[in-house]
Amino acid sequence: MLGKNGILKELVTNRILFLMLLPTLVFFIINSYVPMVGVYYAFTRFDFNTSLFNSQFVGLENFKFLWQSGVLAKLTLNTIGYNIVFILLGNTLAIALAILLSELRLQWFKKLTQSIMFLPYFVSFVILSVIVYNVFNYESGFLNSTLKQFGAEPVDVYNTPWVWIFLIIIFYLWKNIGYSMVIYLASITGISEEYYEAAKIDGANIFQRIWYITVPMLKTTFVMLLLFALGSIMKGQFDLFYQLVGNNGMLYNTTDILDTYVYRSLKVTFDIGMSTAAGLYQSLFGFILIMTVNYMIKKINDEYALF
């Protein structure tokens, strides 16, 4: 450990590096740590007629209401459930696509395919919501217009909650899988060709080379991305859910997550105490989860842990 003199010496020796780090520290202090004072509101019944810190202190009443009403359980289940599917299915498909692309021999086709798959990542969620609305709108959407032409009955997608479980997952994968694929493709590119040449000499076919060389070599990348994803597992892609669902109360049971609930509590009901309580629960749950998972991974293999 650095002593007092050691810390001063380190600051003087690497003063340029610390000065470069300073803007980042100031940014996080202003935008992440100073606002933490607002955690106090989670334990109050906020009153707009009083000053900021003169609202009635109610202790854990906000958390008690969220739990007893079943809201907290539903939000937690939806948030974690969607994120688990996003993480597992997203990484599995990204690895599969990265391996397929790495095996292509036509470079122009490989680059073209990679660009096409990566393109949806740059499509904004606002544009995505417009596309989804024009496809599934009951009156004039592409889906119902096509069904009417074939004499079939129109489908009211915006009033069918269970359908949105699959739609949200599909659109998330469509938008993000290209980005994850590029990361895995970069890892595959870094694998030495000597391994594959040795496997060929030993008579291994393409599937055996993929299974016994490529997949194990991607383990480190997968674990790192998994840990980073678990760190934000309680944050549920707010832009995706809010832009696609909006304030459609018919879909809340299957699409409402902690982020959208907190936003709606502030914007619609102006219940600052309840929204802060939900946000605090979200942060604490996520913190405990990432610390637990990182501890377990560290016990299994120290090299894969984040810290």
Protein backbone atom coordinates (compact mmCIF):
# COMPACT_ATOMS: atom_id res chain seq x y z
CA MET A 1 0.00 0.00 0.00
CA LEU A 2 1.11 3.54 -0.66
CA GLY A 3 1.93 5.60 2.39
CA LYS A 4 1.28 9.30 2.73
CA ASN A 5 4.57 10.19 1.06
CA GLY A 6 3.99 7.48 -1.52
CA ILE A 7 0.64 8.97 -2.55
CA LEU A 8 2.15 12.47 -2.85
CA LYS A 9 5.04 11.10 -4.87
CA GLU A 10 2.62 9.25 -7.15
CA LEU A 11 0.59 12.43 -7.68
CA VAL A 12 3.68 14.46 -8.52
CA THR A 13 5.24 11.81 -10.76
CA ASN A 14 2.06 11.17 -12.75
CA ARG A 15 0.51 14.64 -12.45
CA ILE A 16 -0.29 14.80 -16.18
CA LEU A 17 -2.22 11.54 -16.05
CA PHE A 18 -4.16 12.66 -12.96
CA LEU A 19 -4.97 15.99 -14.65
CA MET A 20 -6.34 14.05 -17.63
CA LEU A 21 -8.44 12.00 -15.21
CA LEU A 22 -9.79 15.10 -13.42
CA PRO A 23 -12.63 15.95 -15.92
CA THR A 24 -13.98 12.40 -15.56
CA LEU A 25 -13.91 12.61 -11.76
CA VAL A 26 -15.67 16.00 -11.82
CA PHE A 27 -18.30 14.61 -14.21
CA PHE A 28 -19.14 11.65 -11.97
CA ILE A 29 -19.09 13.76 -8.80
CA ILE A 30 -21.56 16.27 -10.25
CA ASN A 31 -23.83 13.83 -12.09
CA SER A 32 -23.62 10.68 -9.94
CA TYR A 33 -22.59 11.44 -6.36
CA VAL A 34 -24.07 14.87 -5.61
CA PRO A 35 -27.58 13.75 -6.76
CA MET A 36 -27.38 10.88 -4.23
CA VAL A 37 -28.56 13.41 -1.63
CA GLY A 38 -32.00 12.89 -3.20
CA VAL A 39 -32.06 9.34 -1.76
CA TYR A 40 -33.59 11.02 1.30
CA TYR A 41 -36.87 11.44 -0.60
CA ALA A 42 -37.35 7.65 -0.66
CA PHE A 43 -38.19 7.91 3.05
CA THR A 44 -40.56 10.88 2.81
CA ARG A 45 -44.02 11.73 1.57
CA PHE A 46 -42.96 14.59 -0.67
CA ASP A 47 -45.02 17.75 -0.46
CA PHE A 48 -44.65 20.39 -3.15
CA ASN A 49 -45.98 23.05 -0.75
CA THR A 50 -42.90 22.77 1.48
CA SER A 51 -39.18 23.16 0.93
CA LEU A 52 -37.07 20.28 -0.37
CA PHE A 53 -36.14 18.81 3.02
CA ASN A 54 -39.27 19.66 5.02
CA SER A 55 -41.50 16.88 3.67
CA GLN A 56 -43.01 14.41 6.13
CA PHE A 57 -40.58 11.61 7.05
CA VAL A 58 -42.35 8.24 6.73
CA GLY A 59 -39.44 5.81 7.10
CA LEU A 60 -39.96 2.63 5.08
CA GLU A 61 -43.63 3.29 4.26
CA ASN A 62 -42.94 3.82 0.54
CA PHE A 63 -41.08 0.52 0.30
CA LYS A 64 -43.81 -1.21 2.32
CA PHE A 65 -46.51 0.05 -0.04
CA LEU A 66 -44.56 -1.02 -3.14
CA TRP A 67 -44.07 -4.50 -1.70
CA GLN A 68 -47.58 -5.07 -0.34
CA SER A 69 -49.24 -3.78 -3.51
CA GLY A 70 -47.28 -6.31 -5.57
CA VAL A 71 -45.80 -3.56 -7.73
CA LEU A 72 -42.22 -4.19 -6.61
CA ALA A 73 -42.43 -7.94 -7.26
CA LYS A 74 -43.92 -7.42 -10.74
CA LEU A 75 -41.36 -4.76 -11.70
CA THR A 76 -38.47 -6.88 -10.42
CA LEU A 77 -39.70 -9.99 -12.25
CA ASN A 78 -40.19 -8.10 -15.51
CA THR A 79 -36.87 -6.26 -15.31
CA ILE A 80 -34.75 -9.29 -14.43
CA GLY A 81 -36.69 -11.63 -16.73
CA TYR A 82 -36.23 -9.49 -19.81
CA ASN A 83 -32.57 -8.83 -19.04
CA ILE A 84 -31.79 -12.52 -18.54
CA VAL A 85 -33.28 -13.27 -21.96
CA PHE A 86 -31.43 -10.31 -23.49
CA ILE A 87 -28.11 -11.45 -22.01
CA LEU A 88 -28.33 -15.19 -22.69
CA LEU A 89 -30.08 -15.16 -26.04
CA GLY A 90 -28.23 -12.06 -27.24
CA ASN A 91 -24.77 -13.43 -26.43
CA THR A 92 -25.56 -16.88 -27.80
CA LEU A 93 -26.74 -15.51 -31.14
CA ALA A 94 -23.87 -12.99 -31.26
CA ILE A 95 -21.31 -15.78 -30.75
CA ALA A 96 -22.98 -17.96 -33.40
CA LEU A 97 -23.08 -15.14 -35.95
CA ALA A 98 -19.50 -14.09 -35.19
CA ILE A 99 -18.30 -17.65 -35.77
CA LEU A 100 -20.25 -17.88 -39.04
CA LEU A 101 -18.79 -14.60 -40.28
CA SER A 102 -15.27 -15.61 -39.28
CA GLU A 103 -15.56 -18.72 -41.46
CA LEU A 104 -16.56 -16.77 -44.58
CA ARG A 105 -13.81 -16.62 -47.18
CA LEU A 106 -15.23 -13.90 -49.47
CA GLN A 107 -13.97 -10.73 -47.79
CA TRP A 108 -16.32 -8.34 -49.62
CA PHE A 109 -19.36 -10.44 -48.65
CA LYS A 110 -18.08 -10.74 -45.07
CA LYS A 111 -17.69 -6.94 -44.73
CA LEU A 112 -21.05 -6.28 -46.37
CA THR A 113 -22.85 -8.73 -44.06
CA GLN A 114 -21.12 -7.31 -41.00
CA SER A 115 -22.11 -3.75 -41.96
CA ILE A 116 -25.74 -4.70 -42.60
CA MET A 117 -26.01 -6.46 -39.24
CA PHE A 118 -24.32 -3.59 -37.40
CA LEU A 119 -26.50 -0.89 -39.02
CA PRO A 120 -29.61 -1.33 -36.77
CA TYR A 121 -27.49 -0.34 -33.74
CA PHE A 122 -27.48 3.24 -35.07
CA VAL A 123 -31.26 3.39 -35.54
CA SER A 124 -32.74 5.55 -32.78
CA PHE A 125 -35.51 4.17 -30.58
CA VAL A 126 -37.78 7.00 -31.73
CA ILE A 127 -37.49 5.85 -35.32
CA LEU A 128 -37.94 2.26 -34.19
CA SER A 129 -41.17 3.20 -32.39
CA VAL A 130 -42.47 4.84 -35.59
CA ILE A 131 -41.67 1.71 -37.59
CA VAL A 132 -43.38 -0.54 -35.02
CA TYR A 133 -46.46 1.70 -34.87
CA ASN A 134 -46.83 1.74 -38.66
CA VAL A 135 -46.58 -2.05 -38.75
CA PHE A 136 -48.93 -2.92 -35.86
CA ASN A 137 -51.41 -0.02 -35.82
CA TYR A 138 -54.93 -1.47 -35.68
CA GLU A 139 -56.56 0.87 -38.19
CA SER A 140 -53.95 1.36 -40.89
CA GLY A 141 -50.89 -0.71 -39.93
CA PHE A 142 -49.08 -2.84 -42.47
CA LEU A 143 -49.97 -6.08 -40.66
CA ASN A 144 -53.73 -5.50 -40.52
CA SER A 145 -53.82 -4.00 -44.01
CA THR A 146 -52.24 -7.19 -45.33
CA LEU A 147 -54.61 -9.39 -43.31
CA LYS A 148 -57.64 -7.48 -44.66
CA GLN A 149 -56.47 -8.02 -48.24
CA PHE A 150 -56.51 -11.77 -47.61
CA GLY A 151 -59.93 -11.60 -45.94
CA ALA A 152 -58.63 -12.26 -42.42
CA GLU A 153 -59.67 -10.47 -39.24
CA PRO A 154 -57.39 -7.64 -38.03
CA VAL A 155 -55.30 -8.17 -34.90
CA ASP A 156 -55.32 -5.62 -32.08
CA VAL A 157 -51.65 -5.96 -31.12
CA TYR A 158 -51.64 -2.91 -28.84
CA ASN A 159 -54.30 -4.52 -26.66
CA THR A 160 -52.70 -7.98 -26.54
CA PRO A 161 -50.13 -7.92 -23.68
CA TRP A 162 -48.50 -11.35 -24.17
CA VAL A 163 -47.49 -10.54 -27.76
CA TRP A 164 -45.23 -7.73 -26.56
CA ILE A 165 -43.03 -10.12 -24.60
CA PHE A 166 -41.84 -11.55 -27.91
CA LEU A 167 -41.90 -8.26 -29.82
CA ILE A 168 -39.68 -6.48 -27.30
CA ILE A 169 -37.18 -9.35 -27.30
CA ILE A 170 -37.14 -9.51 -31.12
CA PHE A 171 -36.61 -5.77 -31.56
CA TYR A 172 -33.92 -5.68 -28.87
CA LEU A 173 -32.01 -8.46 -30.61
CA TRP A 174 -32.49 -6.84 -34.01
CA LYS A 175 -31.02 -3.58 -32.75
CA ASN A 176 -28.18 -4.80 -30.51
CA ILE A 177 -26.99 -8.16 -31.77
CA GLY A 178 -24.77 -6.60 -34.44
CA TYR A 179 -22.82 -4.64 -31.82
CA SER A 180 -22.19 -7.71 -29.66
CA MET A 181 -21.26 -9.73 -32.72
CA VAL A 182 -18.49 -7.25 -33.62
CA ILE A 183 -16.95 -7.67 -30.14
CA TYR A 184 -16.89 -11.45 -30.44
CA LEU A 185 -15.63 -11.23 -34.02
CA ALA A 186 -12.71 -9.11 -32.81
CA SER A 187 -11.91 -11.77 -30.20
CA ILE A 188 -12.00 -14.51 -32.83
CA THR A 189 -9.66 -12.49 -35.03
CA GLY A 190 -7.16 -12.41 -32.14
CA ILE A 191 -6.98 -16.23 -31.93
CA SER A 192 -3.70 -17.52 -33.32
CA GLU A 193 -3.95 -19.40 -36.62
CA GLU A 194 -1.45 -21.92 -35.27
CA TYR A 195 -4.18 -23.57 -33.21
CA TYR A 196 -6.35 -24.14 -36.28
CA GLU A 197 -3.40 -25.34 -38.38
CA ALA A 198 -2.46 -27.88 -35.71
CA ALA A 199 -6.07 -29.05 -35.49
CA LYS A 200 -6.23 -29.50 -39.28
CA ILE A 201 -3.07 -31.59 -39.19
CA ASP A 202 -4.66 -33.78 -36.51
CA GLY A 203 -7.67 -34.28 -38.78
CA ALA A 204 -10.22 -32.03 -37.02
CA ASN A 205 -13.08 -30.88 -39.22
CA ILE A 206 -14.54 -27.36 -39.17
CA PHE A 207 -17.13 -28.15 -36.50
CA GLN A 208 -14.54 -29.71 -34.22
CA ARG A 209 -12.23 -26.70 -34.66
CA ILE A 210 -15.07 -24.37 -33.74
CA TRP A 211 -16.15 -26.41 -30.71
CA TYR A 212 -12.72 -27.19 -29.27
CA ILE A 213 -10.81 -24.01 -30.21
CA THR A 214 -13.04 -21.02 -31.04
CA VAL A 215 -15.73 -21.47 -28.39
CA PRO A 216 -13.29 -22.04 -25.45
CA MET A 217 -11.22 -19.04 -26.59
CA LEU A 218 -14.32 -16.83 -26.37
CA LYS A 219 -14.96 -17.78 -22.74
CA THR A 220 -13.07 -14.79 -21.30
CA THR A 221 -14.90 -12.31 -23.53
CA PHE A 222 -18.25 -13.89 -22.69
CA VAL A 223 -17.63 -13.77 -18.93
CA MET A 224 -16.52 -10.12 -19.05
CA LEU A 225 -19.56 -9.08 -21.08
CA LEU A 226 -21.76 -11.14 -18.75
CA LEU A 227 -20.42 -9.35 -15.68
CA PHE A 228 -20.87 -5.94 -17.28
CA ALA A 229 -24.43 -6.88 -18.26
CA LEU A 230 -25.23 -8.16 -14.76
CA GLY A 231 -24.05 -4.83 -13.36
CA SER A 232 -26.97 -3.16 -15.11
CA ILE A 233 -29.45 -6.06 -14.94
CA MET A 234 -31.85 -3.91 -12.90
CA LYS A 235 -31.82 -1.27 -15.64
CA GLY A 236 -34.18 -2.44 -18.32
CA GLN A 237 -33.49 -0.61 -21.59
CA PHE A 238 -35.77 2.33 -20.78
CA ASP A 239 -35.70 3.80 -24.31
CA LEU A 240 -36.78 0.51 -25.86
CA PHE A 241 -39.70 -0.11 -23.49
CA TYR A 242 -40.95 3.45 -23.27
CA GLN A 243 -40.77 4.20 -26.99
CA LEU A 244 -42.50 0.96 -27.99
CA VAL A 245 -45.14 0.84 -25.24
CA GLY A 246 -45.46 4.44 -24.06
CA ASN A 247 -48.32 5.01 -21.61
CA ASN A 248 -50.46 2.11 -22.80
CA GLY A 249 -51.84 0.80 -19.49
CA MET A 250 -53.11 -2.38 -21.14
CA LEU A 251 -49.53 -3.58 -21.56
CA TYR A 252 -48.10 -2.71 -18.13
CA ASN A 253 -48.41 -6.22 -16.66
CA THR A 254 -46.01 -7.68 -19.22
CA THR A 255 -43.88 -4.66 -20.19
CA ASP A 256 -43.58 -2.40 -17.15
CA ILE A 257 -40.06 -2.34 -15.68
CA LEU A 258 -38.42 -0.34 -12.89
CA ASP A 259 -37.14 2.39 -15.20
CA THR A 260 -40.51 3.07 -16.83
CA TYR A 261 -42.29 2.96 -13.45
CA VAL A 262 -39.90 5.52 -11.94
CA TYR A 263 -40.27 7.80 -14.97
CA ARG A 264 -44.06 7.49 -14.98
CA SER A 265 -44.26 8.16 -11.23
CA LEU A 266 -42.41 11.43 -11.74
CA LYS A 267 -44.12 12.52 -14.96
CA VAL A 268 -47.71 11.35 -14.46
CA THR A 269 -48.43 10.96 -10.73
CA PHE A 270 -45.70 13.33 -9.44
CA ASP A 271 -45.03 10.89 -6.59
CA ILE A 272 -41.38 11.71 -5.88
CA GLY A 273 -41.21 9.60 -2.71
CA MET A 274 -42.46 6.44 -4.38
CA SER A 275 -40.32 6.86 -7.50
CA THR A 276 -37.19 7.52 -5.41
CA ALA A 277 -37.93 4.43 -3.31
CA ALA A 278 -38.21 2.32 -6.46
CA GLY A 279 -35.00 3.83 -7.84
CA LEU A 280 -33.11 3.21 -4.59
CA TYR A 281 -34.31 -0.39 -4.49
CA GLN A 282 -33.17 -0.80 -8.09
CA SER A 283 -29.66 0.49 -7.33
CA LEU A 284 -29.18 -1.52 -4.13
CA PHE A 285 -30.47 -4.75 -5.67
CA GLY A 286 -28.20 -4.33 -8.68
CA PHE A 287 -25.18 -3.55 -6.46
CA ILE A 288 -25.72 -6.62 -4.29
CA LEU A 289 -26.23 -8.80 -7.36
CA ILE A 290 -23.03 -7.75 -9.14
CA MET A 291 -20.97 -8.07 -5.93
CA THR A 292 -22.35 -11.56 -5.32
CA VAL A 293 -21.80 -12.79 -8.88
CA ASN A 294 -18.31 -11.29 -9.02
CA TYR A 295 -17.44 -12.99 -5.70
CA MET A 296 -18.66 -16.35 -7.00
CA ILE A 297 -16.71 -16.00 -10.25
CA LYS A 298 -13.60 -14.93 -8.31
CA LYS A 299 -13.84 -18.11 -6.23
CA ILE A 300 -14.14 -20.23 -9.38
CA ASN A 301 -11.52 -18.45 -11.50
CA ASP A 302 -9.83 -15.28 -10.27
CA GLU A 303 -8.80 -14.25 -13.79
CA TYR A 304 -12.40 -13.73 -14.92
CA ALA A 305 -13.45 -11.45 -12.02
CA LEU A 306 -13.86 -7.72 -12.53
CA PHE A 307 -12.12 -6.84 -9.23
